[in-house]
Amino acid sequence: QLQASGGGLVQAGGSLRLSCAASGRTFSNNGMGWFRQTPGKEREFVAAINWKGRDTSYADSVKGRFTISRDTSKNTVYLQMNSLRPEDTAVYYCAAAITASAASAIMYYRNWGQGTLVTVSS
């Protein structure tokens, strides 16, 4: 139901934009989030946006570099990633929350898309 795309290989300092498209149902009343995971580590919160797209929250590690947005008409959520660093390398996942707010806790997320790999070279 959620399809993430846009990952790839980029040099440090570069930019990527991830997209998360919903199909089969709409998530217009749900908060949406991006998480990331590296081998051997737990999935961690990156960014979230509320159902209206007016409230956002970010992990401290990406604040000021990443921007989450959503286009309800396209049923799509985006993650613009600028000034990428090698430590941003991970598989990025999008998910829909069971709440309408920009939740940062993974416990609020149920519907997960498949991940997209982001690799940042130094």
Protein backbone atom coordinates (compact mmCIF):
# COMPACT_ATOMS: atom_id res chain seq x y z
CA GLN A 1 0.00 0.00 0.00
CA LEU A 2 2.96 2.31 0.56
CA GLN A 3 5.73 2.42 -2.01
CA ALA A 4 8.94 4.27 -1.20
CA SER A 5 11.32 5.35 -3.94
CA GLY A 6 14.08 7.80 -4.68
CA GLY A 7 16.99 6.20 -2.88
CA GLY A 8 20.41 5.86 -4.43
CA LEU A 9 24.08 6.64 -4.17
CA VAL A 10 25.12 10.23 -3.53
CA GLN A 11 28.28 11.97 -2.40
CA ALA A 12 28.49 13.68 0.94
CA GLY A 13 26.97 17.12 0.73
CA GLY A 14 24.55 16.06 -1.97
CA SER A 15 20.78 15.83 -2.00
CA LEU A 16 18.09 13.25 -2.62
CA ARG A 17 14.33 13.35 -2.52
CA LEU A 18 12.46 10.30 -1.35
CA SER A 19 8.84 9.70 -2.26
CA CYS A 20 6.25 7.52 -0.60
CA ALA A 21 3.17 6.86 -2.69
CA ALA A 22 0.05 5.24 -1.32
CA SER A 23 -2.11 2.96 -3.38
CA GLY A 24 -5.27 1.08 -2.67
CA ARG A 25 -6.35 3.46 0.04
CA THR A 26 -5.85 7.01 1.15
CA PHE A 27 -3.91 8.08 4.21
CA SER A 28 -5.10 11.67 4.08
CA ASN A 29 -6.34 11.51 7.67
CA ASN A 30 -3.15 9.95 9.02
CA GLY A 31 0.11 11.35 10.19
CA MET A 32 2.96 10.04 8.06
CA GLY A 33 6.54 9.35 8.97
CA TRP A 34 9.95 8.39 7.69
CA PHE A 35 12.25 6.06 9.56
CA ARG A 36 15.62 4.59 8.75
CA GLN A 37 17.54 1.49 9.66
CA THR A 38 21.10 0.24 9.34
CA PRO A 39 22.23 -3.36 9.79
CA GLY A 40 22.27 -4.44 13.41
CA LYS A 41 20.46 -1.36 14.64
CA GLU A 42 16.88 -0.61 15.49
CA ARG A 43 14.73 1.38 13.13
CA GLU A 44 14.94 5.04 14.10
CA PHE A 45 12.70 8.01 13.61
CA VAL A 46 13.66 10.58 10.98
CA ALA A 47 10.69 12.86 10.32
CA ALA A 48 6.92 13.02 10.56
CA ILE A 49 4.10 15.20 9.29
CA ASN A 50 0.55 15.58 10.50
CA TRP A 51 -2.53 14.92 8.42
CA LYS A 52 -2.90 18.53 7.30
CA GLY A 53 0.77 18.92 6.48
CA ARG A 54 1.13 21.87 8.81
CA ASP A 55 2.95 20.27 11.73
CA THR A 56 6.22 18.44 11.37
CA SER A 57 8.76 16.86 13.66
CA TYR A 58 12.35 15.82 13.05
CA ALA A 59 15.07 13.84 14.68
CA ASP A 60 17.81 16.11 15.99
CA SER A 61 20.31 14.48 13.66
CA VAL A 62 18.46 15.65 10.54
CA LYS A 63 16.93 18.91 11.71
CA GLY A 64 17.78 21.73 9.35
CA ARG A 65 18.87 19.34 6.59
CA PHE A 66 15.78 17.24 5.87
CA THR A 67 12.27 18.44 5.05
CA ILE A 68 9.15 16.32 5.06
CA SER A 69 6.11 17.33 3.05
CA ARG A 70 2.98 15.78 1.64
CA ASP A 71 0.74 16.22 -1.37
CA THR A 72 -2.68 14.93 -0.42
CA SER A 73 -3.96 15.19 -3.99
CA LYS A 74 -1.26 12.73 -5.05
CA ASN A 75 -1.47 10.64 -1.87
CA THR A 76 2.29 11.04 -1.59
CA VAL A 77 4.73 12.03 1.13
CA TYR A 78 8.21 13.34 0.40
CA LEU A 79 11.48 13.58 2.26
CA GLN A 80 13.88 16.15 0.85
CA MET A 81 17.35 15.36 2.12
CA ASN A 82 20.07 17.98 1.76
CA SER A 83 23.65 18.20 2.99
CA LEU A 84 23.77 14.44 3.21
CA ARG A 85 26.41 12.80 5.39
CA PRO A 86 27.84 9.29 5.36
CA GLU A 87 26.03 8.60 8.63
CA ASP A 88 22.72 9.13 6.80
CA THR A 89 23.37 5.90 4.93
CA ALA A 90 20.49 3.55 5.69
CA VAL A 91 17.38 1.92 4.35
CA TYR A 92 14.61 4.49 4.61
CA TYR A 93 11.02 3.46 5.30
CA CYS A 94 7.81 5.41 5.14
CA ALA A 95 4.82 4.57 7.28
CA ALA A 96 1.33 5.72 8.15
CA ALA A 97 0.49 6.48 11.75
CA ILE A 98 -2.62 5.46 13.62
CA THR A 99 -2.85 9.06 14.74
CA ALA A 100 -3.39 12.24 12.74
CA SER A 101 -0.47 14.01 14.39
CA ALA A 102 3.22 14.10 13.48
CA ALA A 103 4.14 11.28 15.80
CA SER A 104 7.80 10.43 16.39
CA ALA A 105 7.34 7.21 18.32
CA ILE A 106 7.46 4.08 16.20
CA MET A 107 4.69 2.53 18.27
CA TYR A 108 2.17 4.75 16.50
CA TYR A 109 2.97 3.38 13.06
CA ARG A 110 1.26 0.40 11.51
CA ASN A 111 1.33 0.53 7.75
CA TRP A 112 4.86 0.27 6.44
CA GLY A 113 6.19 0.51 2.93
CA GLN A 114 9.18 -1.38 1.66
CA GLY A 115 12.42 0.46 2.19
CA THR A 116 14.58 2.38 -0.21
CA LEU A 117 18.34 2.37 0.21
CA VAL A 118 20.25 5.61 0.58
CA THR A 119 24.02 5.41 0.41
CA VAL A 120 26.15 8.49 1.07
CA SER A 121 29.80 8.22 0.13
CA SER A 122 32.50 10.29 1.78
